[in-house]
């Protein structure tokens, strides 16, 4: 092998090593980003489920109160109709 070919081969080898390092770095960054994204969405979905879990009793009370008020207004409406007849 002549010196010029050997020099080109060594330069190509150095470039290949550099490219390999860059590609490994990109691959590692992609994996880390994917992990962070999964954790991010797990926190968002988990907090939404947790908020619903803690707020559900209050929502049930509000729905029951609305049902009671609705029943009272219906009873009042029936009473007024009975007085009109």
C-alpha atoms as a PDB file:
ATOM      1  CA  UNK A   1       0.000   0.000   0.000  1.00  0.00           C
ATOM      2  CA  UNK A   2       1.427   3.324  -0.999  1.00  0.00           C
ATOM      3  CA  UNK A   3       1.688   6.168   1.549  1.00  0.00           C
ATOM      4  CA  UNK A   4      -1.031   8.267  -0.079  1.00  0.00           C
ATOM      5  CA  UNK A   5      -3.593   5.443   0.055  1.00  0.00           C
ATOM      6  CA  UNK A   6      -2.650   4.725   3.646  1.00  0.00           C
ATOM      7  CA  UNK A   7      -3.089   8.408   4.528  1.00  0.00           C
ATOM      8  CA  UNK A   8      -6.538   8.452   2.853  1.00  0.00           C
ATOM      9  CA  UNK A   9      -7.502   5.247   4.664  1.00  0.00           C
ATOM     10  CA  UNK A  10      -6.479   6.721   8.025  1.00  0.00           C
ATOM     11  CA  UNK A  11      -8.425   9.928   7.295  1.00  0.00           C
ATOM     12  CA  UNK A  12     -11.467   7.871   6.325  1.00  0.00           C
ATOM     13  CA  UNK A  13     -11.103   5.831   9.516  1.00  0.00           C
ATOM     14  CA  UNK A  14     -10.952   8.986  11.642  1.00  0.00           C
ATOM     15  CA  UNK A  15     -14.058  10.361   9.911  1.00  0.00           C
ATOM     16  CA  UNK A  16     -15.866   7.061  10.435  1.00  0.00           C
ATOM     17  CA  UNK A  17     -14.983   7.099  14.152  1.00  0.00           C
ATOM     18  CA  UNK A  18     -16.144  10.706  14.462  1.00  0.00           C
ATOM     19  CA  UNK A  19     -19.406   9.915  12.657  1.00  0.00           C
ATOM     20  CA  UNK A  20     -19.915   6.883  14.869  1.00  0.00           C
ATOM     21  CA  UNK A  21     -19.481   9.034  17.969  1.00  0.00           C
ATOM     22  CA  UNK A  22     -21.952  11.602  16.662  1.00  0.00           C
ATOM     23  CA  UNK A  23     -24.488   8.902  15.785  1.00  0.00           C
ATOM     24  CA  UNK A  24     -24.173   7.289  19.210  1.00  0.00           C
ATOM     25  CA  UNK A  25     -24.669  10.684  20.828  1.00  0.00           C
ATOM     26  CA  UNK A  26     -27.786  11.322  18.726  1.00  0.00           C
ATOM     27  CA  UNK A  27     -29.159   7.879  19.542  1.00  0.00           C
ATOM     28  CA  UNK A  28     -28.554   8.403  23.267  1.00  0.00           C
ATOM     29  CA  UNK A  29     -30.227  11.824  23.107  1.00  0.00           C
ATOM     30  CA  UNK A  30     -33.244  10.323  21.346  1.00  0.00           C
ATOM     31  CA  UNK A  31     -33.612   7.640  24.026  1.00  0.00           C
ATOM     32  CA  UNK A  32     -33.338  10.190  26.823  1.00  0.00           C
ATOM     33  CA  UNK A  33     -35.876  12.448  25.108  1.00  0.00           C
ATOM     34  CA  UNK A  34     -38.278   9.527  24.668  1.00  0.00           C
ATOM     35  CA  UNK A  35     -37.948   8.625  28.349  1.00  0.00           C
ATOM     36  CA  UNK A  36     -38.541  12.230  29.418  1.00  0.00           C
ATOM     37  CA  UNK A  37     -41.572  12.409  27.123  1.00  0.00           C
ATOM     38  CA  UNK A  38     -43.060   9.235  28.621  1.00  0.00           C
ATOM     39  CA  UNK A  39     -42.498  10.535  32.151  1.00  0.00           C
ATOM     40  CA  UNK A  40     -44.003  13.915  31.174  1.00  0.00           C
ATOM     41  CA  UNK A  41     -47.195  12.361  29.816  1.00  0.00           C
ATOM     42  CA  UNK A  42     -47.423   9.925  32.734  1.00  0.00           C
ATOM     43  CA  UNK A  43     -47.316  12.884  35.132  1.00  0.00           C
ATOM     44  CA  UNK A  44     -49.965  14.785  33.163  1.00  0.00           C
ATOM     45  CA  UNK A  45     -52.320  11.804  32.866  1.00  0.00           C
ATOM     46  CA  UNK A  46     -51.666  10.740  36.450  1.00  0.00           C
ATOM     47  CA  UNK A  47     -52.374  14.209  37.793  1.00  0.00           C
ATOM     48  CA  UNK A  48     -55.622  14.375  35.797  1.00  0.00           C
ATOM     49  CA  UNK A  49     -56.748  11.014  37.177  1.00  0.00           C
ATOM     50  CA  UNK A  50     -55.673  12.015  40.681  1.00  0.00           C
ATOM     51  CA  UNK A  51     -57.501  15.329  40.444  1.00  0.00           C
ATOM     52  CA  UNK A  52     -60.661  13.536  39.356  1.00  0.00           C
ATOM     53  CA  UNK A  53     -60.253  11.042  42.200  1.00  0.00           C
ATOM     54  CA  UNK A  54     -60.027  13.826  44.785  1.00  0.00           C
ATOM     55  CA  UNK A  55     -62.693  16.061  43.217  1.00  0.00           C
ATOM     56  CA  UNK A  56     -65.227  13.285  42.576  1.00  0.00           C
ATOM     57  CA  UNK A  57     -66.893  13.463  46.041  1.00  0.00           C
ATOM     58  CA  UNK A  58     -67.424  17.211  45.627  1.00  0.00           C
ATOM     59  CA  UNK A  59     -68.856  16.680  42.154  1.00  0.00           C
ATOM     60  CA  UNK A  60     -71.212  14.018  43.497  1.00  0.00           C
ATOM     61  CA  UNK A  61     -72.388  16.417  46.218  1.00  0.00           C
ATOM     62  CA  UNK A  62     -72.989  19.139  43.635  1.00  0.00           C
ATOM     63  CA  UNK A  63     -74.971  16.766  41.405  1.00  0.00           C
ATOM     64  CA  UNK A  64     -77.043  15.625  44.391  1.00  0.00           C
ATOM     65  CA  UNK A  65     -77.665  19.243  45.421  1.00  0.00           C
ATOM     66  CA  UNK A  66     -78.735  20.093  41.874  1.00  0.00           C
ATOM     67  CA  UNK A  67     -81.102  17.114  41.892  1.00  0.00           C
ATOM     68  CA  UNK A  68     -82.570  18.267  45.216  1.00  0.00           C
ATOM     69  CA  UNK A  69     -83.064  21.827  43.987  1.00  0.00           C
ATOM     70  CA  UNK A  70     -84.638  20.526  40.795  1.00  0.00           C
ATOM     71  CA  UNK A  71     -87.035  18.350  42.811  1.00  0.00           C
ATOM     72  CA  UNK A  72     -87.942  21.317  45.026  1.00  0.00           C
ATOM     73  CA  UNK A  73     -88.680  23.527  42.011  1.00  0.00           C
ATOM     74  CA  UNK A  74     -90.795  20.794  40.435  1.00  0.00           C
ATOM     75  CA  UNK A  75     -92.735  20.422  43.688  1.00  0.00           C
ATOM     76  CA  UNK A  76     -93.219  24.188  43.880  1.00  0.00           C
ATOM     77  CA  UNK A  77     -94.387  24.239  40.267  1.00  0.00           C
ATOM     78  CA  UNK A  78     -96.901  21.454  40.983  1.00  0.00           C
ATOM     79  CA  UNK A  79     -98.122  23.310  44.074  1.00  0.00           C
ATOM     80  CA  UNK A  80     -98.658  26.498  42.067  1.00  0.00           C
ATOM     81  CA  UNK A  81    -100.549  24.579  39.386  1.00  0.00           C
ATOM     82  CA  UNK A  82    -102.781  23.019  42.056  1.00  0.00           C
ATOM     83  CA  UNK A  83    -103.618  26.464  43.449  1.00  0.00           C
ATOM     84  CA  UNK A  84    -104.477  27.744  39.985  1.00  0.00           C
ATOM     85  CA  UNK A  85    -106.930  24.913  39.415  1.00  0.00           C
END
